[in-house]
Amino acid sequence: MFSGLFFETISWGDVILRIGASVVAGIIIGLERTMSNHPAGMKTHVLVCLGAALASLTASEMTFTAMQILPGASADLSRIAAGVVQGVGFLGAGAIMKSNDGVVVTGLTTAATLWVTACIGLSVGMGYFKMSIVSLVAVFIANTALKYLEKKVPVRSNVKTIEIATTEKRRTVEFIEGYFSSRKIDILNFDFIGDLGDDENPSQNIFYFRYTVRIPRSVHFLIVLRDLALQENISQVFEVDDSEKGRKSRKAKKSKV
């Protein structure tokens, strides 16, 4: 709760400064999201930050007006901030996308970025430039430097070895490498095991490849096995257990339709 001593009318210069600062903050945060090809880009973050700043400016101005009409009155600005944060929560939920099978979830970082952008907008609108600038720098570091740091941190659980059997060597290799690239799966090692004759059709060779890959956190490994098994030229896909140097029981095998 605040008394009238803490408020005075906001000048045109203050309004322009705070609104302009909120736009700049939205551009800086949204630029990284746009460059990373996320659905909520620069325009979305600018509007969120600008709207939050406008809400806090309006709340301050309304409080000053009320105190001029009713001397001695008090106001609670936390309700405005709570309303903005809650409203942006619904907007952030729209940025979160889930695959049809419910296994792969993306957009969590974008949703969190929208939420913190609204908080920065509130801070800028209230004139708290010190904490706004520090928070802006922190958000930019979190979305850029930490993203590259995450890629450098070895996560053993995300490193998988896959053995693939195919009858078409060249086309299958091109498909696999293109698929891994589209899914941002890093190929750590590749082995050509050799070709074995098919007992049912001796004239047709079966080629075996072994890939060691690093799966991103946003990609479910079972989805990768399924997508590879559904490829026309791939007959079998196995996950290889490096500790036992054999095939695990988990196996994605092409089914005839």
Protein backbone atom coordinates (compact mmCIF):
# COMPACT_ATOMS: atom_id res chain seq x y z
CA MET A 1 0.00 0.00 0.00
CA PHE A 2 1.28 3.46 -0.86
CA SER A 3 0.47 6.93 0.29
CA GLY A 4 0.11 10.02 -1.89
CA LEU A 5 3.61 11.22 -0.98
CA PHE A 6 5.12 8.58 -3.29
CA PHE A 7 3.32 9.68 -6.45
CA GLU A 8 3.43 12.60 -8.79
CA THR A 9 2.14 12.98 -12.30
CA ILE A 10 4.30 11.41 -15.03
CA SER A 11 5.70 13.89 -17.53
CA TRP A 12 5.72 13.42 -21.30
CA GLY A 13 9.48 12.85 -21.15
CA ASP A 14 9.08 10.04 -18.62
CA VAL A 15 6.34 8.40 -20.66
CA ILE A 16 8.43 8.49 -23.86
CA LEU A 17 11.52 7.25 -22.01
CA ARG A 18 9.76 4.33 -20.34
CA ILE A 19 7.76 3.27 -23.41
CA GLY A 20 10.89 3.58 -25.57
CA ALA A 21 12.91 1.55 -23.08
CA SER A 22 10.26 -1.19 -23.07
CA VAL A 23 10.36 -1.35 -26.88
CA VAL A 24 14.17 -1.62 -26.87
CA ALA A 25 14.04 -4.36 -24.22
CA GLY A 26 11.47 -6.30 -26.28
CA ILE A 27 13.62 -5.96 -29.41
CA ILE A 28 16.74 -7.23 -27.66
CA ILE A 29 14.98 -10.25 -26.17
CA GLY A 30 12.88 -10.98 -29.26
CA LEU A 31 15.85 -10.72 -31.62
CA GLU A 32 17.41 -13.85 -30.16
CA ARG A 33 14.10 -15.73 -30.41
CA THR A 34 13.70 -14.65 -34.04
CA MET A 35 17.25 -15.70 -34.95
CA SER A 36 16.58 -19.09 -33.32
CA ASN A 37 13.47 -19.47 -35.53
CA HIS A 38 10.95 -19.62 -32.68
CA PRO A 39 7.23 -18.84 -33.22
CA ALA A 40 7.18 -15.91 -30.77
CA GLY A 41 9.69 -13.48 -32.27
CA MET A 42 10.65 -9.86 -32.04
CA LYS A 43 7.20 -8.34 -32.61
CA THR A 44 5.57 -10.54 -29.99
CA HIS A 45 8.16 -9.71 -27.32
CA VAL A 46 8.02 -6.00 -28.11
CA LEU A 47 4.24 -5.98 -27.74
CA VAL A 48 4.35 -7.96 -24.49
CA CYS A 49 6.97 -5.69 -22.95
CA LEU A 50 5.22 -2.56 -24.22
CA GLY A 51 1.83 -3.73 -22.92
CA ALA A 52 3.25 -4.50 -19.48
CA ALA A 53 4.97 -1.10 -19.32
CA LEU A 54 1.74 0.62 -20.36
CA ALA A 55 -0.18 -1.25 -17.66
CA SER A 56 2.22 -0.10 -14.93
CA LEU A 57 2.25 3.47 -16.26
CA THR A 58 -1.54 3.53 -16.33
CA ALA A 59 -1.71 2.13 -12.81
CA SER A 60 0.66 4.82 -11.54
CA GLU A 61 -1.29 7.58 -13.24
CA MET A 62 -4.62 6.22 -11.98
CA THR A 63 -3.25 6.09 -8.44
CA PHE A 64 -2.07 9.70 -8.64
CA THR A 65 -5.46 10.83 -9.96
CA ALA A 66 -7.33 8.95 -7.23
CA MET A 67 -5.16 10.49 -4.53
CA GLN A 68 -5.77 13.95 -5.92
CA ILE A 69 -9.54 13.42 -5.79
CA LEU A 70 -9.52 11.65 -2.43
CA PRO A 71 -6.65 13.00 -0.27
CA GLY A 72 -5.29 10.39 2.08
CA ALA A 73 -6.43 7.49 -0.05
CA SER A 74 -4.14 4.52 -0.59
CA ALA A 75 -3.56 2.19 -3.52
CA ASP A 76 -2.27 -1.33 -4.12
CA LEU A 77 -0.30 -1.57 -7.37
CA SER A 78 0.51 -5.24 -6.87
CA ARG A 79 -2.91 -6.16 -8.30
CA ILE A 80 -2.03 -4.62 -11.66
CA ALA A 81 1.28 -6.49 -11.78
CA ALA A 82 -0.39 -9.75 -10.78
CA GLY A 83 -3.01 -9.31 -13.50
CA VAL A 84 -0.38 -8.69 -16.19
CA VAL A 85 1.72 -11.69 -15.14
CA GLN A 86 -1.34 -13.94 -15.08
CA GLY A 87 -2.49 -12.73 -18.50
CA VAL A 88 0.92 -13.35 -20.05
CA GLY A 89 0.78 -16.87 -18.62
CA PHE A 90 -2.07 -17.66 -21.00
CA LEU A 91 -0.09 -16.16 -23.90
CA GLY A 92 2.94 -18.25 -22.99
CA ALA A 93 0.81 -21.40 -22.92
CA GLY A 94 0.01 -20.77 -26.59
CA ALA A 95 3.73 -20.92 -27.41
CA ILE A 96 4.06 -24.43 -25.95
CA MET A 97 3.50 -27.09 -28.60
CA LYS A 98 3.11 -30.82 -28.13
CA SER A 99 3.40 -33.54 -30.75
CA ASN A 100 0.36 -35.62 -31.67
CA ASP A 101 1.61 -38.53 -29.58
CA GLY A 102 2.24 -36.22 -26.63
CA VAL A 103 5.89 -37.23 -26.31
CA VAL A 104 7.74 -34.20 -27.72
CA VAL A 105 7.13 -30.82 -26.06
CA THR A 106 8.64 -27.59 -27.41
CA GLY A 107 8.27 -23.89 -26.67
CA LEU A 108 8.89 -23.95 -22.92
CA THR A 109 11.83 -21.55 -23.18
CA THR A 110 9.83 -19.17 -25.38
CA ALA A 111 6.94 -19.22 -22.91
CA ALA A 112 9.30 -18.45 -20.03
CA THR A 113 10.93 -15.67 -22.07
CA LEU A 114 7.53 -14.08 -22.73
CA TRP A 115 6.74 -14.19 -19.03
CA VAL A 116 10.00 -12.57 -17.93
CA THR A 117 9.65 -9.99 -20.74
CA ALA A 118 6.34 -8.92 -19.23
CA CYS A 119 8.01 -8.61 -15.82
CA ILE A 120 10.73 -6.42 -17.32
CA GLY A 121 8.05 -4.30 -18.98
CA LEU A 122 6.34 -3.78 -15.62
CA SER A 123 9.65 -2.78 -14.06
CA VAL A 124 10.43 -0.33 -16.87
CA GLY A 125 6.95 1.18 -16.67
CA MET A 126 7.38 1.82 -12.95
CA GLY A 127 10.72 3.52 -13.61
CA TYR A 128 12.94 0.88 -12.02
CA PHE A 129 15.60 1.08 -14.70
CA LYS A 130 18.46 -0.46 -12.70
CA MET A 131 16.74 -3.78 -12.09
CA SER A 132 15.28 -3.70 -15.60
CA ILE A 133 18.71 -3.37 -17.23
CA VAL A 134 20.26 -6.07 -15.06
CA SER A 135 17.32 -8.42 -15.77
CA LEU A 136 17.53 -7.71 -19.50
CA VAL A 137 21.22 -8.63 -19.57
CA ALA A 138 20.51 -11.76 -17.53
CA VAL A 139 17.75 -12.89 -19.92
CA PHE A 140 19.97 -12.30 -22.95
CA ILE A 141 22.77 -14.35 -21.39
CA ALA A 142 20.37 -17.14 -20.44
CA ASN A 143 19.00 -17.41 -23.98
CA THR A 144 22.34 -17.17 -25.79
CA ALA A 145 25.41 -18.11 -23.78
CA LEU A 146 23.67 -20.79 -21.71
CA LYS A 147 22.17 -22.34 -24.82
CA TYR A 148 25.64 -22.98 -26.26
CA LEU A 149 26.91 -24.09 -22.86
CA GLU A 150 24.15 -26.71 -22.69
CA LYS A 151 25.37 -28.18 -25.98
CA LYS A 152 28.90 -28.48 -24.62
CA VAL A 153 27.86 -30.27 -21.44
CA PRO A 154 28.10 -34.03 -22.07
CA VAL A 155 24.88 -35.81 -21.19
CA ARG A 156 25.51 -39.53 -21.32
CA SER A 157 21.83 -40.47 -21.26
CA ASN A 158 21.32 -38.60 -24.57
CA VAL A 159 24.11 -40.45 -26.40
CA LYS A 160 22.73 -43.45 -28.26
CA THR A 161 24.14 -46.05 -30.63
CA ILE A 162 21.84 -47.23 -33.39
CA GLU A 163 22.36 -50.14 -35.77
CA ILE A 164 20.48 -50.03 -39.06
CA ALA A 165 19.95 -52.77 -41.64
CA THR A 166 19.13 -51.76 -45.22
CA THR A 167 19.17 -53.05 -48.76
CA GLU A 168 19.92 -49.65 -50.33
CA LYS A 169 23.25 -48.32 -49.09
CA ARG A 170 23.55 -44.92 -50.77
CA ARG A 171 19.92 -43.76 -50.54
CA THR A 172 19.61 -44.91 -46.93
CA VAL A 173 22.72 -43.06 -45.81
CA GLU A 174 21.51 -39.88 -47.51
CA PHE A 175 18.11 -40.21 -45.86
CA ILE A 176 19.54 -40.91 -42.39
CA GLU A 177 21.96 -37.99 -42.47
CA GLY A 178 19.24 -35.66 -43.76
CA TYR A 179 16.85 -36.83 -41.06
CA PHE A 180 19.44 -36.36 -38.31
CA SER A 181 20.22 -32.87 -39.60
CA SER A 182 16.53 -31.87 -39.61
CA ARG A 183 16.13 -33.11 -36.04
CA LYS A 184 19.40 -31.43 -34.93
CA ILE A 185 20.83 -34.82 -33.96
CA ASP A 186 24.65 -34.78 -33.83
CA ILE A 187 26.48 -37.73 -35.39
CA LEU A 188 29.37 -38.60 -33.07
CA ASN A 189 30.59 -41.74 -34.83
CA PHE A 190 29.77 -43.83 -37.90
CA ASP A 191 30.70 -47.45 -38.67
CA PHE A 192 30.00 -49.52 -41.76
CA ILE A 193 29.72 -53.02 -40.33
CA GLY A 194 29.53 -54.80 -43.67
CA ASP A 195 27.10 -56.53 -45.95
CA LEU A 196 25.50 -59.91 -45.35
CA GLY A 197 23.53 -62.01 -47.78
CA ASP A 198 19.82 -62.56 -47.24
CA ASP A 199 19.05 -66.24 -46.57
CA GLU A 200 15.68 -65.93 -48.32
CA ASN A 201 17.13 -64.00 -51.25
CA PRO A 202 20.88 -64.66 -51.56
CA SER A 203 21.25 -62.23 -54.47
CA GLN A 204 20.18 -59.31 -52.28
CA ASN A 205 22.73 -57.93 -49.87
CA ILE A 206 21.84 -56.43 -46.51
CA PHE A 207 24.06 -53.57 -45.38
CA TYR A 208 24.56 -52.71 -41.72
CA PHE A 209 25.44 -49.26 -40.40
CA ARG A 210 26.13 -48.19 -36.85
CA TYR A 211 25.61 -44.56 -35.78
CA THR A 212 26.53 -43.07 -32.42
CA VAL A 213 24.46 -39.92 -32.00
CA ARG A 214 23.59 -37.28 -29.43
CA ILE A 215 19.81 -36.79 -29.17
CA PRO A 216 18.58 -33.28 -28.22
CA ARG A 217 16.41 -33.03 -25.12
CA SER A 218 13.45 -31.93 -27.23
CA VAL A 219 13.54 -35.15 -29.33
CA HIS A 220 12.30 -38.45 -27.91
CA PHE A 221 14.51 -41.40 -28.80
CA LEU A 222 11.58 -43.76 -29.47
CA ILE A 223 10.25 -41.31 -32.07
CA VAL A 224 13.63 -41.44 -33.83
CA LEU A 225 13.55 -45.25 -33.90
CA ARG A 226 10.01 -45.20 -35.25
CA ASP A 227 10.77 -42.68 -38.01
CA LEU A 228 13.82 -44.65 -39.15
CA ALA A 229 11.92 -47.97 -39.13
CA LEU A 230 9.18 -46.49 -41.31
CA GLN A 231 11.66 -45.57 -44.04
CA GLU A 232 11.13 -47.69 -47.14
CA ASN A 233 14.68 -49.03 -47.54
CA ILE A 234 15.32 -49.77 -43.85
CA SER A 235 14.42 -53.29 -42.74
CA GLN A 236 15.46 -53.13 -39.07
CA VAL A 237 16.58 -50.60 -36.49
CA PHE A 238 18.26 -51.57 -33.21
CA GLU A 239 19.55 -49.66 -30.23
CA VAL A 240 23.00 -51.07 -29.42
CA ASP A 241 24.09 -51.45 -25.82
CA ASP A 242 27.72 -50.32 -25.76
CA SER A 243 28.44 -52.00 -22.43
CA GLU A 244 27.39 -55.43 -23.69
CA LYS A 245 28.36 -54.87 -27.33
CA GLY A 246 25.07 -56.37 -28.37
CA ARG A 247 21.55 -55.48 -29.28
CA LYS A 248 19.11 -54.47 -26.60
CA SER A 249 15.63 -55.89 -26.41
CA ARG A 250 14.18 -52.53 -27.42
CA LYS A 251 13.87 -52.74 -31.18
CA ALA A 252 11.93 -50.92 -33.86
CA LYS A 253 11.15 -53.30 -36.68
CA LYS A 254 9.38 -52.51 -39.92
CA SER A 255 5.87 -53.92 -40.00
CA LYS A 256 4.13 -54.88 -43.21
CA VAL A 257 0.92 -53.02 -43.91
